[in-house]
């Protein structure tokens, strides 16, 4: 937890406001992304190699698989949109 102190102004007799905020680290974000990537890969492989291929399983998890793959490769969506505009 990080504490942020905000002064209420000069000459004020009030106590400063203390805000507490939990800051996400890159490690926590990466672990979450890896777990989501593995779950989407598992569900996607089950959907693709099943005898009955349902688009209700394949479409959402393929999108999640692609998005988490981009995030793991450090390719953000704003970069992809910028590349699209330069074409």
PDB file of N, CA and C in Angstrom:
ATOM      1  N   UNK A   1       0.833  -1.171   0.000  1.00  0.00           N
ATOM      2  CA  UNK A   1       0.000   0.000   0.000  1.00  0.00           C
ATOM      3  C   UNK A   1       0.881   1.239   0.000  1.00  0.00           C
ATOM      4  N   UNK A   2       0.584   2.136  -0.870  1.00  0.00           N
ATOM      5  CA  UNK A   2       1.276   3.416  -0.884  1.00  0.00           C
ATOM      6  C   UNK A   2       0.377   4.467  -0.278  1.00  0.00           C
ATOM      7  N   UNK A   3       0.992   5.374   0.446  1.00  0.00           N
ATOM      8  CA  UNK A   3       0.232   6.465   1.048  1.00  0.00           C
ATOM      9  C   UNK A   3       0.561   7.754   0.327  1.00  0.00           C
ATOM     10  N   UNK A   4      -0.463   8.462  -0.042  1.00  0.00           N
ATOM     11  CA  UNK A   4      -0.292   9.752  -0.696  1.00  0.00           C
ATOM     12  C   UNK A   4      -0.849  10.820   0.229  1.00  0.00           C
ATOM     13  N   UNK A   5      -0.054  11.826   0.520  1.00  0.00           N
ATOM     14  CA  UNK A   5      -0.524  12.921   1.370  1.00  0.00           C
ATOM     15  C   UNK A   5      -0.873  14.109   0.495  1.00  0.00           C
ATOM     16  N   UNK A   6      -2.023  14.654   0.733  1.00  0.00           N
ATOM     17  CA  UNK A   6      -2.467  15.835  -0.001  1.00  0.00           C
ATOM     18  C   UNK A   6      -2.674  16.949   1.000  1.00  0.00           C
ATOM     19  N   UNK A   7      -1.955  18.035   0.811  1.00  0.00           N
ATOM     20  CA  UNK A   7      -2.138  19.189   1.695  1.00  0.00           C
ATOM     21  C   UNK A   7      -3.428  19.903   1.324  1.00  0.00           C
ATOM     22  N   UNK A   8      -4.089  20.416   2.338  1.00  0.00           N
ATOM     23  CA  UNK A   8      -5.355  21.111   2.090  1.00  0.00           C
ATOM     24  C   UNK A   8      -5.152  22.587   1.803  1.00  0.00           C
ATOM     25  N   UNK A   9      -3.936  23.064   1.808  1.00  0.00           N
ATOM     26  CA  UNK A   9      -3.673  24.465   1.482  1.00  0.00           C
ATOM     27  C   UNK A   9      -2.784  25.110   2.525  1.00  0.00           C
ATOM     28  N   UNK A  10      -2.227  26.274   2.191  1.00  0.00           N
ATOM     29  CA  UNK A  10      -1.359  26.987   3.126  1.00  0.00           C
ATOM     30  C   UNK A  10      -2.204  27.635   4.212  1.00  0.00           C
ATOM     31  N   UNK A  11      -1.704  27.580   5.393  1.00  0.00           N
ATOM     32  CA  UNK A  11      -2.368  28.236   6.509  1.00  0.00           C
ATOM     33  C   UNK A  11      -3.629  27.529   6.967  1.00  0.00           C
ATOM     34  N   UNK A  12      -3.879  26.360   6.444  1.00  0.00           N
ATOM     35  CA  UNK A  12      -5.083  25.633   6.834  1.00  0.00           C
ATOM     36  C   UNK A  12      -4.806  24.884   8.130  1.00  0.00           C
ATOM     37  N   UNK A  13      -5.762  24.855   8.999  1.00  0.00           N
ATOM     38  CA  UNK A  13      -5.591  24.154  10.271  1.00  0.00           C
ATOM     39  C   UNK A  13      -6.065  22.714  10.179  1.00  0.00           C
ATOM     40  N   UNK A  14      -6.587  22.326   9.028  1.00  0.00           N
ATOM     41  CA  UNK A  14      -7.063  20.953   8.855  1.00  0.00           C
ATOM     42  C   UNK A  14      -5.880  20.011   8.677  1.00  0.00           C
ATOM     43  N   UNK A  15      -6.088  18.763   9.057  1.00  0.00           N
ATOM     44  CA  UNK A  15      -5.060  17.747   8.860  1.00  0.00           C
ATOM     45  C   UNK A  15      -4.990  17.398   7.373  1.00  0.00           C
ATOM     46  N   UNK A  16      -3.798  16.990   6.899  1.00  0.00           N
ATOM     47  CA  UNK A  16      -3.710  16.593   5.488  1.00  0.00           C
ATOM     48  C   UNK A  16      -4.516  15.315   5.232  1.00  0.00           C
ATOM     49  N   UNK A  17      -5.035  15.209   4.035  1.00  0.00           N
ATOM     50  CA  UNK A  17      -5.800  14.029   3.647  1.00  0.00           C
ATOM     51  C   UNK A  17      -4.809  12.955   3.215  1.00  0.00           C
ATOM     52  N   UNK A  18      -4.986  11.751   3.727  1.00  0.00           N
ATOM     53  CA  UNK A  18      -4.109  10.641   3.365  1.00  0.00           C
ATOM     54  C   UNK A  18      -4.922   9.653   2.532  1.00  0.00           C
ATOM     55  N   UNK A  19      -4.479   9.430   1.319  1.00  0.00           N
ATOM     56  CA  UNK A  19      -5.134   8.482   0.429  1.00  0.00           C
ATOM     57  C   UNK A  19      -4.291   7.220   0.363  1.00  0.00           C
ATOM     58  N   UNK A  20      -4.936   6.078   0.476  1.00  0.00           N
ATOM     59  CA  UNK A  20      -4.226   4.809   0.364  1.00  0.00           C
ATOM     60  C   UNK A  20      -4.624   4.161  -0.955  1.00  0.00           C
ATOM     61  N   UNK A  21      -3.637   3.700  -1.680  1.00  0.00           N
ATOM     62  CA  UNK A  21      -3.909   3.066  -2.967  1.00  0.00           C
ATOM     63  C   UNK A  21      -2.988   1.870  -3.142  1.00  0.00           C
ATOM     64  N   UNK A  22      -3.552   0.798  -3.638  1.00  0.00           N
ATOM     65  CA  UNK A  22      -2.737  -0.366  -3.945  1.00  0.00           C
ATOM     66  C   UNK A  22      -2.255  -0.225  -5.383  1.00  0.00           C
ATOM     67  N   UNK A  23      -0.969  -0.282  -5.561  1.00  0.00           N
ATOM     68  CA  UNK A  23      -0.383  -0.110  -6.882  1.00  0.00           C
ATOM     69  C   UNK A  23      -0.058  -1.489  -7.433  1.00  0.00           C
ATOM     70  N   UNK A  24      -0.572  -1.775  -8.628  1.00  0.00           N
ATOM     71  CA  UNK A  24      -0.275  -3.052  -9.260  1.00  0.00           C
ATOM     72  C   UNK A  24       1.133  -3.011  -9.825  1.00  0.00           C
ATOM     73  N   UNK A  25       1.876  -4.037  -9.539  1.00  0.00           N
ATOM     74  CA  UNK A  25       3.218  -4.112 -10.103  1.00  0.00           C
ATOM     75  C   UNK A  25       3.154  -4.828 -11.442  1.00  0.00           C
ATOM     76  N   UNK A  26       4.224  -4.728 -12.198  1.00  0.00           N
ATOM     77  CA  UNK A  26       4.267  -5.392 -13.496  1.00  0.00           C
ATOM     78  C   UNK A  26       4.262  -6.899 -13.338  1.00  0.00           C
ATOM     79  N   UNK A  27       4.847  -7.391 -12.238  1.00  0.00           N
ATOM     80  CA  UNK A  27       4.917  -8.830 -12.027  1.00  0.00           C
ATOM     81  C   UNK A  27       3.521  -9.408 -11.832  1.00  0.00           C
ATOM     82  N   UNK A  28       2.684  -8.757 -11.021  1.00  0.00           N
ATOM     83  CA  UNK A  28       1.325  -9.241 -10.812  1.00  0.00           C
ATOM     84  C   UNK A  28       0.542  -9.219 -12.112  1.00  0.00           C
ATOM     85  N   UNK A  29       0.726  -8.170 -12.892  1.00  0.00           N
ATOM     86  CA  UNK A  29       0.020  -8.041 -14.157  1.00  0.00           C
ATOM     87  C   UNK A  29       0.460  -9.131 -15.129  1.00  0.00           C
ATOM     88  N   UNK A  30       1.740  -9.442 -15.153  1.00  0.00           N
ATOM     89  CA  UNK A  30       2.255 -10.470 -16.051  1.00  0.00           C
ATOM     90  C   UNK A  30       1.771 -11.849 -15.642  1.00  0.00           C
ATOM     91  N   UNK A  31       1.739 -12.134 -14.352  1.00  0.00           N
ATOM     92  CA  UNK A  31       1.262 -13.438 -13.877  1.00  0.00           C
ATOM     93  C   UNK A  31      -0.204 -13.619 -14.248  1.00  0.00           C
ATOM     94  N   UNK A  32      -1.000 -12.581 -14.063  1.00  0.00           N
ATOM     95  CA  UNK A  32      -2.414 -12.650 -14.430  1.00  0.00           C
ATOM     96  C   UNK A  32      -2.576 -12.879 -15.926  1.00  0.00           C
ATOM     97  N   UNK A  33      -1.773 -12.210 -16.722  1.00  0.00           N
ATOM     98  CA  UNK A  33      -1.853 -12.366 -18.174  1.00  0.00           C
ATOM     99  C   UNK A  33      -1.444 -13.767 -18.599  1.00  0.00           C
ATOM    100  N   UNK A  34      -0.410 -14.325 -17.984  1.00  0.00           N
ATOM    101  CA  UNK A  34       0.030 -15.686 -18.319  1.00  0.00           C
ATOM    102  C   UNK A  34      -1.057 -16.692 -17.969  1.00  0.00           C
ATOM    103  N   UNK A  35      -1.685 -16.525 -16.817  1.00  0.00           N
ATOM    104  CA  UNK A  35      -2.755 -17.445 -16.414  1.00  0.00           C
ATOM    105  C   UNK A  35      -3.925 -17.352 -17.394  1.00  0.00           C
ATOM    106  N   UNK A  36      -4.305 -16.137 -17.764  1.00  0.00           N
ATOM    107  CA  UNK A  36      -5.398 -15.971 -18.734  1.00  0.00           C
ATOM    108  C   UNK A  36      -5.026 -16.560 -20.092  1.00  0.00           C
ATOM    109  N   UNK A  37      -3.768 -16.412 -20.489  1.00  0.00           N
ATOM    110  CA  UNK A  37      -3.293 -16.964 -21.760  1.00  0.00           C
ATOM    111  C   UNK A  37      -3.395 -18.487 -21.751  1.00  0.00           C
ATOM    112  N   UNK A  38      -2.963 -19.105 -20.652  1.00  0.00           N
ATOM    113  CA  UNK A  38      -3.008 -20.565 -20.568  1.00  0.00           C
ATOM    114  C   UNK A  38      -4.444 -21.087 -20.528  1.00  0.00           C
ATOM    115  N   UNK A  39      -5.316 -20.397 -19.794  1.00  0.00           N
ATOM    116  CA  UNK A  39      -6.722 -20.813 -19.740  1.00  0.00           C
ATOM    117  C   UNK A  39      -7.359 -20.706 -21.121  1.00  0.00           C
ATOM    118  N   UNK A  40      -7.106 -19.597 -21.811  1.00  0.00           N
ATOM    119  CA  UNK A  40      -7.698 -19.429 -23.143  1.00  0.00           C
ATOM    120  C   UNK A  40      -7.132 -20.448 -24.128  1.00  0.00           C
ATOM    121  N   UNK A  41      -5.854 -20.772 -24.010  1.00  0.00           N
ATOM    122  CA  UNK A  41      -5.248 -21.781 -24.878  1.00  0.00           C
ATOM    123  C   UNK A  41      -5.872 -23.150 -24.631  1.00  0.00           C
ATOM    124  N   UNK A  42      -6.084 -23.495 -23.364  1.00  0.00           N
ATOM    125  CA  UNK A  42      -6.679 -24.783 -23.013  1.00  0.00           C
ATOM    126  C   UNK A  42      -8.118 -24.889 -23.529  1.00  0.00           C
ATOM    127  N   UNK A  43      -8.929 -23.872 -23.255  1.00  0.00           N
ATOM    128  CA  UNK A  43     -10.327 -23.901 -23.686  1.00  0.00           C
ATOM    129  C   UNK A  43     -10.417 -23.869 -25.208  1.00  0.00           C
ATOM    130  N   UNK A  44      -9.551 -23.095 -25.839  1.00  0.00           N
ATOM    131  CA  UNK A  44      -9.547 -23.017 -27.299  1.00  0.00           C
ATOM    132  C   UNK A  44      -9.159 -24.357 -27.918  1.00  0.00           C
ATOM    133  N   UNK A  45      -8.177 -25.029 -27.332  1.00  0.00           N
ATOM    134  CA  UNK A  45      -7.785 -26.340 -27.859  1.00  0.00           C
ATOM    135  C   UNK A  45      -8.888 -27.369 -27.648  1.00  0.00           C
ATOM    136  N   UNK A  46      -9.611 -27.273 -26.528  1.00  0.00           N
ATOM    137  CA  UNK A  46     -10.750 -28.170 -26.326  1.00  0.00           C
ATOM    138  C   UNK A  46     -11.837 -27.905 -27.360  1.00  0.00           C
ATOM    139  N   UNK A  47     -12.075 -26.638 -27.654  1.00  0.00           N
ATOM    140  CA  UNK A  47     -13.108 -26.295 -28.626  1.00  0.00           C
ATOM    141  C   UNK A  47     -12.736 -26.666 -30.047  1.00  0.00           C
ATOM    142  N   UNK A  48     -11.463 -26.551 -30.392  1.00  0.00           N
ATOM    143  CA  UNK A  48     -11.043 -26.844 -31.764  1.00  0.00           C
ATOM    144  C   UNK A  48     -10.921 -28.336 -32.037  1.00  0.00           C
ATOM    145  N   UNK A  49     -10.485 -29.103 -31.047  1.00  0.00           N
ATOM    146  CA  UNK A  49     -10.260 -30.527 -31.270  1.00  0.00           C
ATOM    147  C   UNK A  49     -11.425 -31.387 -30.807  1.00  0.00           C
ATOM    148  N   UNK A  50     -12.542 -30.772 -30.500  1.00  0.00           N
ATOM    149  CA  UNK A  50     -13.742 -31.498 -30.135  1.00  0.00           C
ATOM    150  C   UNK A  50     -14.466 -31.905 -31.420  1.00  0.00           C
ATOM    151  N   UNK A  51     -15.259 -32.974 -31.332  1.00  0.00           N
ATOM    152  CA  UNK A  51     -16.004 -33.404 -32.511  1.00  0.00           C
ATOM    153  C   UNK A  51     -17.053 -32.371 -32.905  1.00  0.00           C
ATOM    154  N   UNK A  52     -17.673 -31.765 -31.913  1.00  0.00           N
ATOM    155  CA  UNK A  52     -18.684 -30.747 -32.170  1.00  0.00           C
ATOM    156  C   UNK A  52     -18.025 -29.388 -31.959  1.00  0.00           C
ATOM    157  N   UNK A  53     -17.777 -28.684 -33.038  1.00  0.00           N
ATOM    158  CA  UNK A  53     -17.115 -27.379 -32.940  1.00  0.00           C
ATOM    159  C   UNK A  53     -18.180 -26.296 -32.779  1.00  0.00           C
ATOM    160  N   UNK A  54     -18.221 -25.690 -31.621  1.00  0.00           N
ATOM    161  CA  UNK A  54     -19.216 -24.650 -31.376  1.00  0.00           C
ATOM    162  C   UNK A  54     -18.549 -23.282 -31.444  1.00  0.00           C
ATOM    163  N   UNK A  55     -19.125 -22.368 -32.207  1.00  0.00           N
ATOM    164  CA  UNK A  55     -18.536 -21.027 -32.287  1.00  0.00           C
ATOM    165  C   UNK A  55     -18.667 -20.249 -30.981  1.00  0.00           C
ATOM    166  N   UNK A  56     -19.594 -20.680 -30.112  1.00  0.00           N
ATOM    167  CA  UNK A  56     -19.761 -19.996 -28.827  1.00  0.00           C
ATOM    168  C   UNK A  56     -18.554 -20.196 -27.917  1.00  0.00           C
ATOM    169  N   UNK A  57     -17.803 -21.250 -28.154  1.00  0.00           N
ATOM    170  CA  UNK A  57     -16.584 -21.497 -27.376  1.00  0.00           C
ATOM    171  C   UNK A  57     -15.370 -20.951 -28.110  1.00  0.00           C
ATOM    172  N   UNK A  58     -15.333 -21.144 -29.399  1.00  0.00           N
ATOM    173  CA  UNK A  58     -14.133 -20.812 -30.169  1.00  0.00           C
ATOM    174  C   UNK A  58     -13.930 -19.301 -30.293  1.00  0.00           C
ATOM    175  N   UNK A  59     -14.972 -18.555 -30.620  1.00  0.00           N
ATOM    176  CA  UNK A  59     -14.822 -17.116 -30.899  1.00  0.00           C
ATOM    177  C   UNK A  59     -14.365 -16.310 -29.684  1.00  0.00           C
ATOM    178  N   UNK A  60     -15.017 -16.427 -28.507  1.00  0.00           N
ATOM    179  CA  UNK A  60     -14.560 -15.586 -27.380  1.00  0.00           C
ATOM    180  C   UNK A  60     -13.159 -15.942 -26.888  1.00  0.00           C
ATOM    181  N   UNK A  61     -12.862 -17.241 -26.849  1.00  0.00           N
ATOM    182  CA  UNK A  61     -11.559 -17.629 -26.327  1.00  0.00           C
ATOM    183  C   UNK A  61     -10.446 -17.402 -27.342  1.00  0.00           C
ATOM    184  N   UNK A  62     -10.766 -17.390 -28.630  1.00  0.00           N
ATOM    185  CA  UNK A  62      -9.728 -17.041 -29.603  1.00  0.00           C
ATOM    186  C   UNK A  62      -9.387 -15.558 -29.490  1.00  0.00           C
ATOM    187  N   UNK A  63     -10.401 -14.724 -29.246  1.00  0.00           N
ATOM    188  CA  UNK A  63     -10.133 -13.296 -29.040  1.00  0.00           C
ATOM    189  C   UNK A  63      -9.310 -13.076 -27.774  1.00  0.00           C
ATOM    190  N   UNK A  64      -9.637 -13.808 -26.709  1.00  0.00           N
ATOM    191  CA  UNK A  64      -8.885 -13.686 -25.456  1.00  0.00           C
ATOM    192  C   UNK A  64      -7.451 -14.183 -25.645  1.00  0.00           C
ATOM    193  N   UNK A  65      -7.289 -15.264 -26.408  1.00  0.00           N
ATOM    194  CA  UNK A  65      -5.966 -15.817 -26.686  1.00  0.00           C
ATOM    195  C   UNK A  65      -5.104 -14.810 -27.450  1.00  0.00           C
ATOM    196  N   UNK A  66      -5.679 -14.172 -28.454  1.00  0.00           N
ATOM    197  CA  UNK A  66      -4.933 -13.192 -29.251  1.00  0.00           C
ATOM    198  C   UNK A  66      -4.584 -11.963 -28.416  1.00  0.00           C
ATOM    199  N   UNK A  67      -5.550 -11.481 -27.629  1.00  0.00           N
ATOM    200  CA  UNK A  67      -5.309 -10.277 -26.819  1.00  0.00           C
ATOM    201  C   UNK A  67      -4.241 -10.514 -25.757  1.00  0.00           C
ATOM    202  N   UNK A  68      -4.305 -11.659 -25.075  1.00  0.00           N
ATOM    203  CA  UNK A  68      -3.291 -11.932 -24.052  1.00  0.00           C
ATOM    204  C   UNK A  68      -1.936 -12.225 -24.687  1.00  0.00           C
ATOM    205  N   UNK A  69      -1.935 -12.814 -25.872  1.00  0.00           N
ATOM    206  CA  UNK A  69      -0.675 -13.031 -26.585  1.00  0.00           C
ATOM    207  C   UNK A  69       0.001 -11.720 -26.944  1.00  0.00           C
ATOM    208  N   UNK A  70      -0.800 -10.763 -27.420  1.00  0.00           N
ATOM    209  CA  UNK A  70      -0.251  -9.435 -27.711  1.00  0.00           C
ATOM    210  C   UNK A  70       0.274  -8.774 -26.449  1.00  0.00           C
ATOM    211  N   UNK A  71      -0.459  -8.928 -25.359  1.00  0.00           N
ATOM    212  CA  UNK A  71      -0.039  -8.283 -24.115  1.00  0.00           C
ATOM    213  C   UNK A  71       1.261  -8.906 -23.598  1.00  0.00           C
ATOM    214  N   UNK A  72       1.401 -10.218 -23.731  1.00  0.00           N
ATOM    215  CA  UNK A  72       2.636 -10.871 -23.298  1.00  0.00           C
ATOM    216  C   UNK A  72       3.821 -10.456 -24.165  1.00  0.00           C
ATOM    217  N   UNK A  73       3.563 -10.166 -25.430  1.00  0.00           N
ATOM    218  CA  UNK A  73       4.623  -9.700 -26.323  1.00  0.00           C
ATOM    219  C   UNK A  73       4.851  -8.199 -26.205  1.00  0.00           C
ATOM    220  N   UNK A  74       4.171  -7.563 -25.257  1.00  0.00           N
ATOM    221  CA  UNK A  74       4.283  -6.122 -24.993  1.00  0.00           C
ATOM    222  C   UNK A  74       3.791  -5.285 -26.171  1.00  0.00           C
ATOM    223  N   UNK A  75       2.830  -5.821 -26.902  1.00  0.00           N
ATOM    224  CA  UNK A  75       2.214  -5.073 -27.993  1.00  0.00           C
ATOM    225  C   UNK A  75       0.854  -4.615 -27.487  1.00  0.00           C
ATOM    226  N   UNK A  76       0.706  -3.344 -27.279  1.00  0.00           N
ATOM    227  CA  UNK A  76      -0.552  -2.806 -26.770  1.00  0.00           C
ATOM    228  C   UNK A  76      -1.480  -2.465 -27.932  1.00  0.00           C
ATOM    229  N   UNK A  77      -2.747  -2.364 -27.626  1.00  0.00           N
ATOM    230  CA  UNK A  77      -3.739  -2.100 -28.662  1.00  0.00           C
ATOM    231  C   UNK A  77      -3.566  -0.720 -29.306  1.00  0.00           C
ATOM    232  N   UNK A  78      -3.113   0.265 -28.528  1.00  0.00           N
ATOM    233  CA  UNK A  78      -2.924   1.592 -29.121  1.00  0.00           C
ATOM    234  C   UNK A  78      -1.808   1.585 -30.157  1.00  0.00           C
ATOM    235  N   UNK A  79      -0.807   0.728 -29.964  1.00  0.00           N
ATOM    236  CA  UNK A  79       0.264   0.595 -30.955  1.00  0.00           C
ATOM    237  C   UNK A  79      -0.290  -0.021 -32.235  1.00  0.00           C
ATOM    238  N   UNK A  80      -1.157  -1.030 -32.084  1.00  0.00           N
ATOM    239  CA  UNK A  80      -1.751  -1.660 -33.258  1.00  0.00           C
ATOM    240  C   UNK A  80      -2.639  -0.685 -34.024  1.00  0.00           C
ATOM    241  N   UNK A  81      -3.376   0.145 -33.295  1.00  0.00           N
ATOM    242  CA  UNK A  81      -4.217   1.141 -33.960  1.00  0.00           C
ATOM    243  C   UNK A  81      -3.367   2.190 -34.668  1.00  0.00           C
ATOM    244  N   UNK A  82      -2.235   2.566 -34.073  1.00  0.00           N
ATOM    245  CA  UNK A  82      -1.341   3.532 -34.715  1.00  0.00           C
ATOM    246  C   UNK A  82      -0.746   2.949 -35.991  1.00  0.00           C
ATOM    247  N   UNK A  83      -0.421   1.668 -35.965  1.00  0.00           N
ATOM    248  CA  UNK A  83       0.106   1.013 -37.166  1.00  0.00           C
ATOM    249  C   UNK A  83      -0.962   0.992 -38.257  1.00  0.00           C
ATOM    250  N   UNK A  84      -2.205   0.757 -37.865  1.00  0.00           N
ATOM    251  CA  UNK A  84      -3.297   0.715 -38.838  1.00  0.00           C
ATOM    252  C   UNK A  84      -3.485   2.072 -39.518  1.00  0.00           C
ATOM    253  N   UNK A  85      -3.306   3.165 -38.766  1.00  0.00           N
ATOM    254  CA  UNK A  85      -3.475   4.494 -39.340  1.00  0.00           C
ATOM    255  C   UNK A  85      -2.352   4.859 -40.305  1.00  0.00           C
ATOM    256  N   UNK A  86      -1.153   4.289 -40.129  1.00  0.00           N
ATOM    257  CA  UNK A  86      -0.035   4.625 -41.002  1.00  0.00           C
ATOM    258  C   UNK A  86      -0.098   3.901 -42.341  1.00  0.00           C
ATOM    259  N   UNK A  87      -0.918   2.874 -42.447  1.00  0.00           N
ATOM    260  CA  UNK A  87      -1.004   2.125 -43.709  1.00  0.00           C
ATOM    261  C   UNK A  87      -1.719   2.904 -44.764  1.00  0.00           C
TER     262      UNK A  87
END
